[in-house]
N, C-alpha and C. Protein backbone atom coordinates (compact mmCIF):
# COMPACT_ATOMS: atom_id res chain seq x y z
N MET A 1 21.92 13.45 -36.60
CA MET A 1 22.91 13.80 -37.03
C MET A 1 22.80 13.37 -38.45
N GLN A 2 23.25 14.29 -38.97
CA GLN A 2 22.99 14.05 -41.12
C GLN A 2 24.42 13.81 -41.37
N ARG A 3 24.05 12.98 -42.01
CA ARG A 3 25.16 12.18 -42.54
C ARG A 3 25.17 12.29 -44.00
N ASN A 4 26.49 12.37 -45.20
CA ASN A 4 26.67 12.56 -45.99
C ASN A 4 26.48 11.55 -47.03
N GLU A 5 26.46 11.30 -48.16
CA GLU A 5 26.07 10.29 -49.12
C GLU A 5 27.36 8.85 -48.96
N LEU A 6 27.95 9.23 -48.36
CA LEU A 6 29.01 8.00 -48.00
C LEU A 6 29.01 7.66 -47.00
N GLY A 7 27.53 8.04 -46.12
CA GLY A 7 27.10 7.36 -44.86
C GLY A 7 27.89 7.98 -43.53
N GLN A 8 29.19 9.49 -43.87
CA GLN A 8 29.79 9.65 -42.80
C GLN A 8 29.13 10.97 -42.44
N ALA A 9 29.29 11.29 -40.77
CA ALA A 9 28.76 12.79 -40.21
C ALA A 9 29.27 13.94 -40.86
N SER A 10 27.98 14.67 -41.26
CA SER A 10 28.55 16.03 -42.35
C SER A 10 29.45 16.59 -40.88
N PRO A 11 30.45 17.69 -41.53
CA PRO A 11 31.09 18.70 -40.60
C PRO A 11 29.64 19.49 -40.16
N THR A 12 29.04 20.20 -40.62
CA THR A 12 27.82 20.78 -39.91
C THR A 12 27.37 20.20 -38.57
N ALA A 13 27.28 19.19 -38.74
CA ALA A 13 26.66 18.22 -37.61
C ALA A 13 27.15 17.84 -36.68
N ILE A 14 28.70 17.64 -36.98
CA ILE A 14 30.18 17.81 -35.98
C ILE A 14 29.86 18.85 -34.84
N VAL A 15 29.67 20.16 -35.72
CA VAL A 15 30.13 21.22 -35.07
C VAL A 15 28.80 21.23 -34.14
N VAL A 16 27.94 21.37 -34.75
CA VAL A 16 26.88 21.28 -33.82
C VAL A 16 26.42 21.10 -32.39
N VAL A 17 27.01 19.72 -32.68
CA VAL A 17 27.08 18.73 -31.40
C VAL A 17 28.36 19.02 -30.47
N ILE A 18 29.10 19.42 -30.99
CA ILE A 18 30.30 19.65 -30.19
C ILE A 18 30.15 20.84 -29.32
N GLY A 19 29.39 22.19 -30.12
CA GLY A 19 29.11 23.58 -29.78
C GLY A 19 27.90 23.12 -28.76
N LEU A 20 27.25 21.83 -28.60
CA LEU A 20 25.78 21.58 -27.45
C LEU A 20 26.53 21.07 -26.71
N VAL A 21 27.54 20.44 -26.23
CA VAL A 21 28.33 19.80 -25.75
C VAL A 21 29.18 20.91 -24.80
N ILE A 22 29.50 21.74 -25.39
CA ILE A 22 30.92 22.70 -24.44
C ILE A 22 29.89 23.83 -23.94
N THR A 23 28.85 24.30 -24.31
CA THR A 23 27.99 24.90 -24.00
C THR A 23 27.21 24.41 -23.01
N CYS A 24 26.89 23.27 -22.69
CA CYS A 24 26.15 22.29 -21.53
C CYS A 24 27.46 21.97 -20.54
N VAL A 25 28.45 22.31 -20.77
CA VAL A 25 29.47 22.03 -19.75
C VAL A 25 29.64 23.49 -19.15
N TRP A 26 29.84 24.70 -19.84
CA TRP A 26 29.85 25.58 -19.22
C TRP A 26 28.90 25.98 -18.34
N VAL A 27 27.48 25.88 -18.85
CA VAL A 27 26.35 26.40 -18.20
C VAL A 27 26.58 25.29 -16.74
N TRP A 28 26.80 24.19 -16.75
CA TRP A 28 26.70 23.12 -15.75
C TRP A 28 27.67 23.89 -14.95
N LYS A 29 28.84 24.56 -15.14
CA LYS A 29 29.81 25.00 -14.15
C LYS A 29 29.62 26.18 -13.57
N ARG A 30 28.61 27.05 -14.30
CA ARG A 30 28.19 27.85 -13.29
C ARG A 30 26.69 27.94 -12.22
N LEU A 31 26.44 27.13 -12.26
CA LEU A 31 25.26 26.96 -11.46
C LEU A 31 26.06 26.81 -10.07
N THR A 32 25.17 26.97 -9.24
CA THR A 32 25.42 27.05 -7.71
C THR A 32 25.33 25.17 -7.54
N LEU A 33 26.27 25.05 -6.08
CA LEU A 33 26.02 23.76 -5.70
C LEU A 33 24.75 23.13 -5.27
N GLU A 34 24.12 23.95 -4.95
CA GLU A 34 22.74 23.76 -4.49
C GLU A 34 21.80 23.14 -6.10
N THR A 35 22.22 24.03 -6.71
CA THR A 35 21.17 23.63 -8.00
C THR A 35 21.77 22.75 -8.43
N GLN A 36 23.13 22.33 -8.86
CA GLN A 36 23.33 20.78 -9.09
C GLN A 36 22.97 19.42 -8.49
N GLU A 37 22.91 20.12 -7.23
CA GLU A 37 22.34 18.97 -6.36
C GLU A 37 20.87 18.36 -6.97
N TYR A 38 20.59 19.59 -7.04
CA TYR A 38 18.74 19.39 -7.28
C TYR A 38 18.78 18.59 -8.40
N VAL A 39 19.68 19.13 -9.66
CA VAL A 39 19.41 18.19 -11.01
C VAL A 39 19.79 17.29 -10.83
N ILE A 40 20.72 16.80 -9.81
CA ILE A 40 20.86 15.28 -9.98
C ILE A 40 19.82 14.46 -9.15
N ASP A 41 19.28 15.13 -7.90
CA ASP A 41 18.80 14.07 -7.12
C ASP A 41 17.48 14.07 -8.02
N GLN A 42 16.74 15.55 -8.60
CA GLN A 42 15.70 15.31 -8.84
C GLN A 42 15.11 15.58 -10.83
N ALA A 43 15.93 16.39 -11.05
CA ALA A 43 15.59 17.14 -12.60
C ALA A 43 16.00 15.31 -13.56
N ILE A 44 16.91 14.83 -13.06
CA ILE A 44 17.40 13.79 -13.56
C ILE A 44 16.16 12.63 -13.98
N PRO A 45 16.17 12.64 -12.24
CA PRO A 45 14.97 11.08 -12.21
C PRO A 45 14.26 11.39 -13.29
N MET A 46 13.37 12.48 -12.77
CA MET A 46 12.18 13.21 -13.39
C MET A 46 12.35 12.54 -14.68
N ALA A 47 13.25 13.52 -15.44
CA ALA A 47 13.49 13.64 -16.80
C ALA A 47 13.26 12.22 -17.27
N PHE A 48 14.10 10.85 -16.70
CA PHE A 48 14.49 9.60 -17.21
C PHE A 48 13.01 8.86 -17.06
N ALA A 49 12.16 9.16 -16.06
CA ALA A 49 10.86 8.61 -15.90
C ALA A 49 9.95 9.31 -16.73
N GLY A 50 10.19 10.91 -17.10
CA GLY A 50 8.99 11.22 -18.03
C GLY A 50 9.10 10.50 -19.56
N LEU A 51 11.14 10.19 -20.23
CA LEU A 51 11.09 9.71 -21.16
C LEU A 51 10.94 8.45 -21.08
N VAL A 52 10.96 7.38 -20.14
CA VAL A 52 10.42 6.14 -19.78
C VAL A 52 8.79 5.87 -20.07
N VAL A 53 7.89 6.69 -19.63
CA VAL A 53 6.73 7.12 -20.25
C VAL A 53 6.17 7.39 -21.49
N ALA A 54 7.32 8.38 -21.76
CA ALA A 54 6.95 8.43 -23.52
C ALA A 54 7.01 7.72 -24.05
N ALA A 55 8.20 6.23 -23.92
CA ALA A 55 8.83 5.45 -24.70
C ALA A 55 7.46 4.47 -24.47
N GLY A 56 6.79 4.03 -23.30
CA GLY A 56 5.97 3.34 -23.26
C GLY A 56 4.92 3.79 -24.19
N LEU A 57 4.65 5.21 -23.95
CA LEU A 57 2.73 5.56 -25.03
C LEU A 57 3.55 5.18 -26.51
N TRP A 58 4.76 5.75 -26.92
CA TRP A 58 4.99 5.64 -28.14
C TRP A 58 5.07 4.05 -28.57
N MET A 59 5.29 2.97 -27.96
CA MET A 59 5.07 1.61 -28.03
C MET A 59 3.72 0.94 -28.20
N VAL A 60 2.94 2.00 -27.11
CA VAL A 60 1.61 1.35 -27.56
C VAL A 60 0.88 2.16 -28.84
N VAL A 61 1.02 3.37 -28.82
CA VAL A 61 0.61 4.17 -30.22
C VAL A 61 1.17 3.36 -31.65
N ARG A 62 2.52 2.94 -31.75
CA ARG A 62 3.01 2.06 -32.53
C ARG A 62 2.36 0.79 -33.40
N SER A 63 2.39 0.44 -31.88
CA SER A 63 1.13 -1.14 -31.85
C SER A 63 0.44 -0.90 -31.92
N ILE A 64 -0.82 -0.25 -31.99
CA ILE A 64 -2.12 -0.12 -32.76
C ILE A 64 -2.22 0.60 -34.10
N ASN A 65 -1.37 1.38 -34.27
CA ASN A 65 -1.25 1.81 -35.75
C ASN A 65 -0.83 0.06 -36.44
N ARG A 66 0.09 -0.49 -35.95
CA ARG A 66 0.38 -1.30 -36.64
C ARG A 66 -0.73 -2.31 -37.17
N ARG A 67 -1.22 -2.50 -36.06
CA ARG A 67 -2.59 -3.78 -36.26
C ARG A 67 -3.76 -3.22 -37.00
N ARG A 68 -3.83 -1.66 -37.04
CA ARG A 68 -4.66 -1.04 -37.94
C ARG A 68 -4.46 -1.27 -39.57
N VAL A 69 -3.11 -1.08 -39.59
CA VAL A 69 -2.15 -1.15 -41.18
C VAL A 69 -2.75 -2.46 -41.31
N LYS A 70 -2.48 -3.37 -40.44
CA LYS A 70 -2.41 -4.66 -40.52
C LYS A 70 -4.03 -5.32 -41.20
N ARG A 71 -5.11 -4.58 -40.52
CA ARG A 71 -6.41 -4.95 -41.09
C ARG A 71 -6.80 -3.93 -41.74
N ARG A 72 -6.10 -3.06 -42.33
CA ARG A 72 -6.80 -2.32 -43.69
C ARG A 72 -6.04 -3.30 -44.69
N ASP A 73 -4.65 -3.51 -44.80
CA ASP A 73 -4.29 -4.50 -46.02
C ASP A 73 -4.96 -5.63 -45.90
N ARG A 74 -5.28 -6.58 -44.97
CA ARG A 74 -5.69 -7.47 -45.01
C ARG A 74 -7.15 -7.75 -45.76
N ALA A 75 -7.65 -6.60 -45.28
CA ALA A 75 -9.18 -6.29 -45.87
C ALA A 75 -9.01 -6.52 -47.29
N THR A 76 -8.18 -5.07 -47.62
CA THR A 76 -8.17 -4.90 -48.85
C THR A 76 -7.50 -6.44 -49.56
N LEU A 77 -6.63 -7.10 -49.60
CA LEU A 77 -6.46 -8.30 -49.93
C LEU A 77 -7.31 -9.29 -50.40
N LEU A 78 -8.27 -9.05 -49.30
CA LEU A 78 -9.48 -10.44 -49.12
C LEU A 78 -10.75 -9.95 -50.44
N ALA A 79 -10.46 -8.86 -50.38
CA ALA A 79 -11.74 -8.08 -51.61
C ALA A 79 -10.87 -8.51 -52.88
N LEU A 80 -9.36 -8.58 -52.96
CA LEU A 80 -9.30 -8.08 -54.08
C LEU A 80 -8.38 -10.08 -54.38
N PHE A 81 -8.47 -10.40 -53.30
CA PHE A 81 -8.94 -12.12 -53.79
C PHE A 81 -10.06 -12.62 -54.31
N GLU A 82 -11.28 -12.52 -53.30
CA GLU A 82 -12.12 -12.77 -54.04
C GLU A 82 -12.64 -12.37 -55.19
N LYS A 83 -12.00 -11.00 -55.91
CA LYS A 83 -12.74 -10.61 -57.32
C LYS A 83 -11.68 -11.00 -58.39
N ALA A 84 -10.73 -11.25 -57.95
CA ALA A 84 -9.51 -12.10 -58.77
C ALA A 84 -10.22 -13.44 -59.66
N LYS A 85 -9.85 -13.18 -60.88
CA LYS A 85 -10.23 -14.17 -61.59
C LYS A 85 -8.81 -15.44 -61.88
N GLY A 86 -8.62 -14.89 -62.14
CA GLY A 86 -7.17 -15.70 -62.84
C GLY A 86 -6.34 -16.42 -61.72
N ARG A 87 -6.21 -17.75 -62.37
CA ARG A 87 -5.56 -18.64 -61.11
C ARG A 87 -3.91 -17.91 -60.56
N GLU A 88 -3.31 -17.69 -61.41
CA GLU A 88 -1.84 -17.25 -61.36
C GLU A 88 -2.09 -16.03 -60.44
N LYS A 89 -3.12 -14.58 -60.80
CA LYS A 89 -3.45 -13.75 -59.81
C LYS A 89 -4.45 -13.99 -58.73
N LYS A 90 -4.92 -15.16 -58.25
CA LYS A 90 -5.34 -15.39 -57.15
C LYS A 90 -4.46 -15.99 -56.37
N LEU A 91 -3.34 -16.50 -56.67
CA LEU A 91 -2.18 -17.20 -55.84
C LEU A 91 -1.53 -16.03 -55.40
N GLU A 92 -1.02 -14.99 -56.38
CA GLU A 92 -0.42 -14.16 -56.24
C GLU A 92 -0.83 -13.18 -55.14
N ILE A 93 -2.28 -13.07 -54.97
CA ILE A 93 -2.70 -12.61 -53.75
C ILE A 93 -2.83 -13.64 -52.58
N ALA A 94 -3.10 -14.72 -52.45
CA ALA A 94 -3.13 -15.39 -51.74
C ALA A 94 -1.29 -15.54 -50.83
N PHE A 95 -0.62 -15.50 -51.54
CA PHE A 95 1.07 -15.63 -50.51
C PHE A 95 1.16 -14.18 -49.91
N ALA A 96 0.32 -12.81 -51.17
CA ALA A 96 0.66 -11.71 -50.04
C ALA A 96 -0.38 -12.20 -48.72
N LEU A 97 -1.37 -12.18 -48.47
CA LEU A 97 -2.07 -12.34 -47.44
C LEU A 97 -1.94 -12.92 -46.77
N ILE A 98 -1.50 -13.95 -46.90
CA ILE A 98 -0.99 -14.97 -45.58
C ILE A 98 0.64 -14.04 -45.23
N GLU A 99 0.98 -13.42 -45.94
CA GLU A 99 2.07 -12.66 -45.66
C GLU A 99 1.66 -11.27 -44.59
N VAL A 100 1.01 -10.36 -45.24
CA VAL A 100 0.18 -9.37 -44.31
C VAL A 100 -0.24 -10.08 -43.08
N ASN A 101 -0.63 -11.36 -43.32
CA ASN A 101 -1.41 -11.29 -41.59
C ASN A 101 -0.82 -12.31 -41.21
N GLU A 102 0.92 -12.23 -41.02
CA GLU A 102 1.84 -12.65 -40.47
C GLU A 102 1.96 -14.39 -39.67
N TYR A 103 1.49 -14.80 -41.20
CA TYR A 103 1.41 -15.90 -41.20
C TYR A 103 0.46 -16.90 -40.21
N ARG A 104 -0.73 -16.33 -39.86
CA ARG A 104 -1.50 -17.02 -39.30
C ARG A 104 -3.46 -16.83 -39.79
N ALA A 105 -4.11 -17.91 -39.04
CA ALA A 105 -4.99 -17.91 -40.00
C ALA A 105 -6.35 -17.64 -39.31
N LYS A 106 -6.00 -16.69 -38.01
CA LYS A 106 -7.14 -15.77 -37.31
C LYS A 106 -7.16 -14.68 -38.52
N GLY A 107 -8.28 -14.35 -39.13
CA GLY A 107 -8.80 -13.30 -39.88
C GLY A 107 -8.92 -13.33 -41.04
N LEU A 108 -8.58 -14.94 -41.52
CA LEU A 108 -9.04 -15.45 -42.76
C LEU A 108 -9.75 -16.30 -43.04
N GLU A 109 -10.82 -16.71 -41.91
CA GLU A 109 -11.67 -17.44 -41.94
C GLU A 109 -12.88 -17.70 -43.30
N SER A 110 -12.84 -16.32 -43.67
CA SER A 110 -14.21 -16.19 -44.85
C SER A 110 -13.60 -16.40 -46.32
N VAL A 111 -11.60 -16.44 -46.49
CA VAL A 111 -11.60 -17.34 -47.26
C VAL A 111 -10.71 -18.53 -47.65
N THR A 112 -10.76 -19.29 -45.69
CA THR A 112 -9.84 -20.43 -45.55
C THR A 112 -10.05 -21.76 -46.25
N PRO A 113 -11.47 -21.82 -47.01
CA PRO A 113 -11.54 -22.94 -47.71
C PRO A 113 -10.81 -22.53 -48.79
N ALA A 114 -10.79 -21.47 -49.73
CA ALA A 114 -10.62 -21.10 -51.21
C ALA A 114 -9.43 -21.24 -51.38
N LEU A 115 -8.76 -20.88 -49.60
CA LEU A 115 -6.69 -20.71 -49.60
C LEU A 115 -6.37 -22.39 -50.17
N ARG A 116 -7.03 -23.17 -48.58
CA ARG A 116 -6.79 -24.38 -49.05
C ARG A 116 -6.78 -25.26 -50.53
N GLU A 117 -7.83 -24.90 -51.28
CA GLU A 117 -8.03 -25.33 -52.36
C GLU A 117 -7.05 -25.02 -53.41
N LEU A 118 -6.76 -23.90 -53.21
CA LEU A 118 -5.97 -22.82 -54.25
C LEU A 118 -4.22 -23.62 -53.88
N PHE A 119 -4.06 -23.71 -52.71
CA PHE A 119 -2.54 -24.11 -51.93
C PHE A 119 -2.44 -25.53 -52.49
N ALA A 120 -3.43 -26.65 -52.37
CA ALA A 120 -3.47 -28.02 -52.38
C ALA A 120 -3.04 -28.16 -53.93
N THR A 121 -4.51 -27.48 -54.85
CA THR A 121 -3.98 -27.60 -55.94
C THR A 121 -2.68 -27.15 -56.76
N THR A 122 -2.11 -26.09 -56.08
CA THR A 122 -1.14 -25.78 -56.69
C THR A 122 0.13 -27.08 -56.25
N LEU A 123 0.03 -27.08 -55.16
CA LEU A 123 1.29 -27.98 -54.72
C LEU A 123 1.31 -29.38 -55.71
N GLN A 124 -0.30 -29.67 -56.10
CA GLN A 124 -0.04 -31.17 -56.87
C GLN A 124 0.25 -31.25 -58.29
N ARG A 125 -0.46 -29.91 -58.91
CA ARG A 125 -0.16 -29.38 -60.26
C ARG A 125 0.78 -28.55 -60.84
N ALA A 126 1.79 -27.67 -60.01
CA ALA A 126 2.94 -27.22 -60.51
C ALA A 126 3.75 -27.80 -60.54
N LEU A 127 4.12 -28.67 -61.76
CA LEU A 127 4.79 -30.29 -61.63
C LEU A 127 5.95 -29.44 -62.34
N ASP A 128 5.82 -28.30 -63.17
CA ASP A 128 7.06 -28.29 -64.30
C ASP A 128 8.57 -27.57 -62.99
N ASP A 129 9.53 -28.45 -63.53
CA ASP A 129 11.00 -28.31 -63.00
C ASP A 129 11.26 -27.04 -62.39
N LYS A 130 10.29 -25.85 -63.30
CA LYS A 130 11.02 -24.34 -63.00
C LYS A 130 9.65 -23.60 -61.97
N GLN A 131 8.89 -24.61 -61.69
CA GLN A 131 7.60 -23.96 -60.10
C GLN A 131 7.85 -24.67 -58.94
N HIS A 132 9.15 -25.26 -58.58
CA HIS A 132 9.23 -25.79 -57.17
C HIS A 132 8.74 -24.66 -56.07
N ARG A 133 9.54 -23.50 -56.66
CA ARG A 133 9.34 -22.48 -55.88
C ARG A 133 8.19 -22.50 -55.44
N ILE A 134 7.28 -22.12 -56.01
CA ILE A 134 5.57 -22.42 -55.83
C ILE A 134 4.98 -23.28 -55.62
N ARG A 135 5.29 -24.25 -55.78
CA ARG A 135 4.86 -25.60 -54.75
C ARG A 135 5.26 -25.43 -53.58
N GLY A 136 6.47 -24.95 -53.56
CA GLY A 136 7.20 -25.01 -52.15
C GLY A 136 6.49 -23.99 -51.01
N MET A 137 6.26 -22.62 -51.93
CA MET A 137 5.68 -21.58 -51.25
C MET A 137 4.03 -21.94 -50.61
N ALA A 138 3.40 -23.07 -51.83
CA ALA A 138 2.01 -23.42 -51.51
C ALA A 138 1.97 -24.44 -50.53
N ALA A 139 2.98 -25.76 -50.37
CA ALA A 139 3.16 -26.33 -49.22
C ALA A 139 3.23 -25.95 -47.67
N SER A 140 4.32 -24.78 -47.80
CA SER A 140 4.38 -23.80 -46.28
C SER A 140 3.33 -23.24 -45.94
N HIS A 141 2.52 -22.28 -46.49
CA HIS A 141 1.68 -21.99 -46.63
C HIS A 141 -0.01 -22.72 -46.10
N LEU A 142 0.09 -23.98 -46.93
CA LEU A 142 -1.23 -24.91 -46.28
C LEU A 142 -0.77 -25.31 -45.11
N GLY A 143 0.26 -24.98 -44.14
CA GLY A 143 0.29 -25.16 -42.88
C GLY A 143 -0.07 -24.17 -41.99
N VAL A 144 -0.51 -23.47 -42.62
CA VAL A 144 -0.91 -22.05 -41.52
C VAL A 144 -2.13 -22.10 -41.77
N LEU A 145 -2.95 -22.76 -42.22
CA LEU A 145 -4.47 -22.75 -42.40
C LEU A 145 -4.98 -23.74 -41.28
N ASN A 146 -4.24 -24.00 -40.63
CA ASN A 146 -4.77 -24.84 -39.57
C ASN A 146 -5.83 -26.22 -39.54
N ASP A 147 -5.70 -26.40 -40.63
CA ASP A 147 -6.57 -27.57 -41.50
C ASP A 147 -5.85 -28.83 -41.66
N MET A 148 -5.80 -30.19 -40.90
CA MET A 148 -5.61 -30.96 -40.86
C MET A 148 -5.56 -32.05 -41.93
N THR A 149 -6.35 -31.76 -42.70
CA THR A 149 -6.93 -32.62 -43.94
C THR A 149 -5.48 -32.57 -44.85
N VAL A 150 -4.58 -31.78 -44.94
CA VAL A 150 -4.05 -31.67 -45.60
C VAL A 150 -2.33 -32.23 -45.72
N VAL A 151 -2.51 -32.64 -44.22
CA VAL A 151 -1.59 -33.41 -43.78
C VAL A 151 -0.72 -35.12 -44.55
N PRO A 152 -1.76 -35.01 -45.57
CA PRO A 152 -1.35 -36.46 -46.39
C PRO A 152 -0.30 -36.11 -47.39
N LEU A 153 -0.71 -34.68 -48.06
CA LEU A 153 -0.62 -33.91 -49.12
C LEU A 153 0.86 -33.28 -48.70
N LEU A 154 0.72 -32.93 -48.00
CA LEU A 154 2.17 -32.35 -46.85
C LEU A 154 3.07 -33.81 -47.37
N LEU A 155 2.84 -34.63 -46.45
CA LEU A 155 3.50 -36.05 -46.11
C LEU A 155 4.25 -36.46 -47.28
N LYS A 156 3.15 -36.76 -48.43
CA LYS A 156 3.99 -36.88 -50.05
C LYS A 156 4.82 -35.58 -50.57
N ALA A 157 4.71 -34.53 -50.36
CA ALA A 157 5.18 -33.47 -50.88
C ALA A 157 6.61 -33.40 -49.88
N LEU A 158 7.01 -34.12 -48.84
CA LEU A 158 8.36 -34.92 -48.86
C LEU A 158 9.05 -36.06 -49.24
N GLU A 159 8.53 -35.62 -49.99
CA GLU A 159 9.03 -37.11 -51.44
C GLU A 159 9.01 -35.98 -52.27
N ASP A 160 9.23 -35.11 -52.68
CA ASP A 160 9.26 -34.06 -53.85
C ASP A 160 10.82 -34.38 -54.44
N ASP A 161 11.45 -33.96 -55.61
CA ASP A 161 12.50 -34.13 -55.86
C ASP A 161 13.13 -32.71 -55.63
N HIS A 162 12.83 -31.59 -55.59
CA HIS A 162 13.20 -30.59 -55.29
C HIS A 162 13.25 -30.20 -53.25
N ALA A 163 14.97 -29.76 -52.85
CA ALA A 163 15.11 -29.92 -51.63
C ALA A 163 13.75 -29.00 -51.10
N TYR A 164 13.99 -28.06 -51.94
CA TYR A 164 12.87 -26.15 -51.38
C TYR A 164 11.49 -26.96 -51.06
N VAL A 165 10.98 -27.64 -51.79
CA VAL A 165 9.53 -28.17 -51.55
C VAL A 165 9.61 -29.50 -50.56
N ARG A 166 10.72 -29.82 -50.13
CA ARG A 166 10.54 -31.04 -49.28
C ARG A 166 10.84 -29.58 -47.65
N SER A 167 11.84 -28.95 -47.59
CA SER A 167 11.83 -28.04 -46.64
C SER A 167 10.59 -27.77 -46.17
N SER A 168 9.83 -26.73 -47.02
CA SER A 168 8.96 -25.96 -46.69
C SER A 168 7.44 -27.21 -46.62
N ALA A 169 7.61 -28.55 -47.09
CA ALA A 169 6.28 -29.46 -46.46
C ALA A 169 6.60 -29.92 -45.34
N ALA A 170 7.82 -29.82 -44.57
CA ALA A 170 8.12 -29.89 -43.42
C ALA A 170 8.18 -28.81 -42.37
N LEU A 171 8.14 -27.64 -42.89
CA LEU A 171 7.40 -26.41 -42.44
C LEU A 171 6.08 -26.55 -42.15
N GLY A 172 5.54 -27.04 -43.53
CA GLY A 172 3.94 -26.76 -43.13
C GLY A 172 3.57 -27.43 -42.06
N LEU A 173 4.27 -29.15 -42.07
CA LEU A 173 4.26 -29.72 -40.80
C LEU A 173 4.32 -29.39 -39.81
N GLY A 174 5.38 -28.83 -39.92
CA GLY A 174 5.82 -28.06 -38.25
C GLY A 174 4.37 -27.12 -37.77
N ARG A 175 3.68 -26.26 -38.60
CA ARG A 175 2.85 -25.63 -38.48
C ARG A 175 1.37 -26.32 -37.65
N LEU A 176 1.38 -26.93 -38.75
CA LEU A 176 -0.35 -27.45 -38.09
C LEU A 176 0.52 -28.83 -36.62
N ARG A 177 1.57 -28.92 -36.56
CA ARG A 177 1.96 -29.75 -34.88
C ARG A 177 1.04 -31.20 -35.92
N ALA A 178 1.50 -31.53 -36.80
CA ALA A 178 0.96 -33.08 -36.96
C ALA A 178 1.99 -33.98 -36.25
N ARG A 179 1.11 -34.94 -35.47
CA ARG A 179 1.84 -35.97 -34.90
C ARG A 179 2.21 -37.03 -35.88
N GLU A 180 1.20 -37.09 -37.36
CA GLU A 180 1.42 -38.23 -38.03
C GLU A 180 2.58 -38.14 -38.48
N ALA A 181 3.47 -36.75 -38.90
CA ALA A 181 4.65 -36.76 -39.66
C ALA A 181 5.52 -37.26 -38.58
N GLU A 182 5.63 -36.66 -37.42
CA GLU A 182 6.98 -37.29 -36.61
C GLU A 182 8.03 -38.62 -36.77
N LYS A 183 7.52 -39.65 -37.48
CA LYS A 183 8.21 -40.88 -37.80
C LYS A 183 9.09 -40.88 -38.60
N ILE A 184 8.19 -39.85 -40.01
CA ILE A 184 9.13 -39.63 -41.53
C ILE A 184 10.14 -38.39 -41.18
N LEU A 185 10.28 -37.13 -40.31
CA LEU A 185 10.70 -36.24 -40.13
C LEU A 185 11.99 -36.87 -39.40
N THR A 186 11.73 -37.95 -38.24
CA THR A 186 12.87 -37.59 -37.91
C THR A 186 13.85 -38.28 -39.03
N THR A 187 13.63 -39.42 -39.75
CA THR A 187 14.02 -39.88 -40.60
C THR A 187 14.62 -39.04 -41.47
N ILE A 188 13.90 -38.08 -42.21
CA ILE A 188 14.22 -37.01 -43.28
C ILE A 188 15.60 -36.19 -42.44
N MET A 189 15.82 -35.80 -41.18
CA MET A 189 16.54 -35.21 -39.99
C MET A 189 17.54 -35.20 -39.97
N VAL A 190 18.01 -36.73 -40.29
CA VAL A 190 18.68 -37.52 -40.62
C VAL A 190 19.68 -37.85 -41.62
N GLU A 191 18.78 -38.47 -42.94
CA GLU A 191 19.25 -39.00 -43.90
C GLU A 191 19.00 -37.73 -45.10
N ASP A 192 18.06 -37.27 -45.37
CA ASP A 192 18.19 -36.07 -46.27
C ASP A 192 19.04 -35.40 -46.59
N TRP A 193 19.74 -35.28 -47.96
CA TRP A 193 21.03 -35.07 -48.46
C TRP A 193 21.47 -33.05 -48.01
N ASP A 194 20.11 -32.77 -48.32
CA ASP A 194 20.33 -31.02 -47.98
C ASP A 194 20.20 -30.81 -46.37
N GLN A 195 20.96 -29.56 -46.18
CA GLN A 195 21.06 -29.72 -44.70
C GLN A 195 19.87 -28.77 -44.59
N THR A 196 18.99 -27.71 -45.24
CA THR A 196 17.84 -27.14 -44.80
C THR A 196 16.90 -27.72 -44.83
N VAL A 197 16.56 -29.14 -45.64
CA VAL A 197 15.49 -29.77 -45.20
C VAL A 197 15.70 -29.96 -43.94
N ARG A 198 16.90 -31.12 -43.47
CA ARG A 198 17.39 -31.52 -42.29
C ARG A 198 16.55 -30.61 -41.07
N SER A 199 17.24 -29.12 -41.25
CA SER A 199 16.96 -28.41 -40.29
C SER A 199 15.19 -27.53 -39.79
N ARG A 200 14.47 -28.08 -41.56
CA ARG A 200 13.40 -27.95 -41.19
C ARG A 200 12.35 -29.10 -40.79
N SER A 201 12.79 -29.60 -40.96
CA SER A 201 12.47 -31.45 -40.41
C SER A 201 12.91 -31.21 -38.60
N ARG A 202 13.91 -30.93 -38.42
CA ARG A 202 14.44 -31.05 -37.13
C ARG A 202 13.16 -29.92 -36.20
N GLU A 203 13.21 -28.55 -36.91
CA GLU A 203 12.55 -27.20 -36.13
C GLU A 203 11.00 -27.70 -36.30
N ALA A 204 10.66 -28.66 -37.04
CA ALA A 204 9.15 -29.21 -37.68
C ALA A 204 8.51 -30.40 -36.28
N LEU A 205 9.97 -31.11 -36.03
CA LEU A 205 9.53 -32.01 -34.77
C LEU A 205 9.56 -31.25 -33.17
N GLU A 206 10.48 -30.24 -33.18
CA GLU A 206 10.74 -29.52 -32.00
C GLU A 206 9.13 -28.99 -31.44
N ARG A 207 8.45 -28.37 -32.87
CA ARG A 207 7.09 -27.78 -32.79
C ARG A 207 6.02 -28.68 -32.33
N ILE A 208 6.15 -30.34 -32.89
CA ILE A 208 5.19 -31.02 -32.90
C ILE A 208 5.48 -31.71 -31.19
N LYS A 209 6.32 -31.65 -31.12
CA LYS A 209 6.80 -32.37 -29.42
C LYS A 209 6.43 -31.12 -28.49
N SER A 210 6.88 -30.02 -28.92
CA SER A 210 6.11 -29.40 -27.64
C SER A 210 4.59 -29.07 -27.55
N SER A 211 3.90 -29.23 -28.66
CA SER A 211 2.84 -29.56 -28.04
C SER A 211 2.10 -30.29 -28.05
N GLU A 212 2.78 -31.60 -27.96
CA GLU A 212 2.31 -32.70 -27.32
C GLU A 212 2.22 -32.47 -25.54
N GLY A 213 3.47 -31.79 -25.16
CA GLY A 213 3.45 -31.59 -23.82
C GLY A 213 2.63 -30.97 -23.17
């Protein structure tokens, strides 16, 4: 159904729909009883089954296409990351790469050490007050790489002055299922003044405990 700029159905579309309904009713009333019974008992179920099969095939094709697009975009960003020279440019591409890869480490093995070094140094060196969002993104993205050597760095980030960095560090520790962080996350979950930090700490603890089970 077409809509105008105000989001309302256009008069032409309404007339067409009404006309189709009236036509269908008119045709239905002129069918024989035997034909109507056939339509109800066989044609409609067959049509419904066909729609279900078509919907299933469409979902499969869509999933395949999405995976293909993701692989293509990931390959493009991987090439750009390896060629990039400036630190800021590499960091921008690295953030995009993690997002395109749906926050998973699989498929990033060729650049994982470089990403770890980039995010770790960013978290440590981006100390300007206005760079807290960059530090926070670096902290949360470190948790994607499945590298437990960054746990001490993320634990330190839980003491950051900015709530965004603390919540991102909690997110990173949760992604890593870092058992070493259970005690401090339990404390932060209760005592931190920021509600987001407390929520992230709770979520991280749930992830850690679920991995223990």
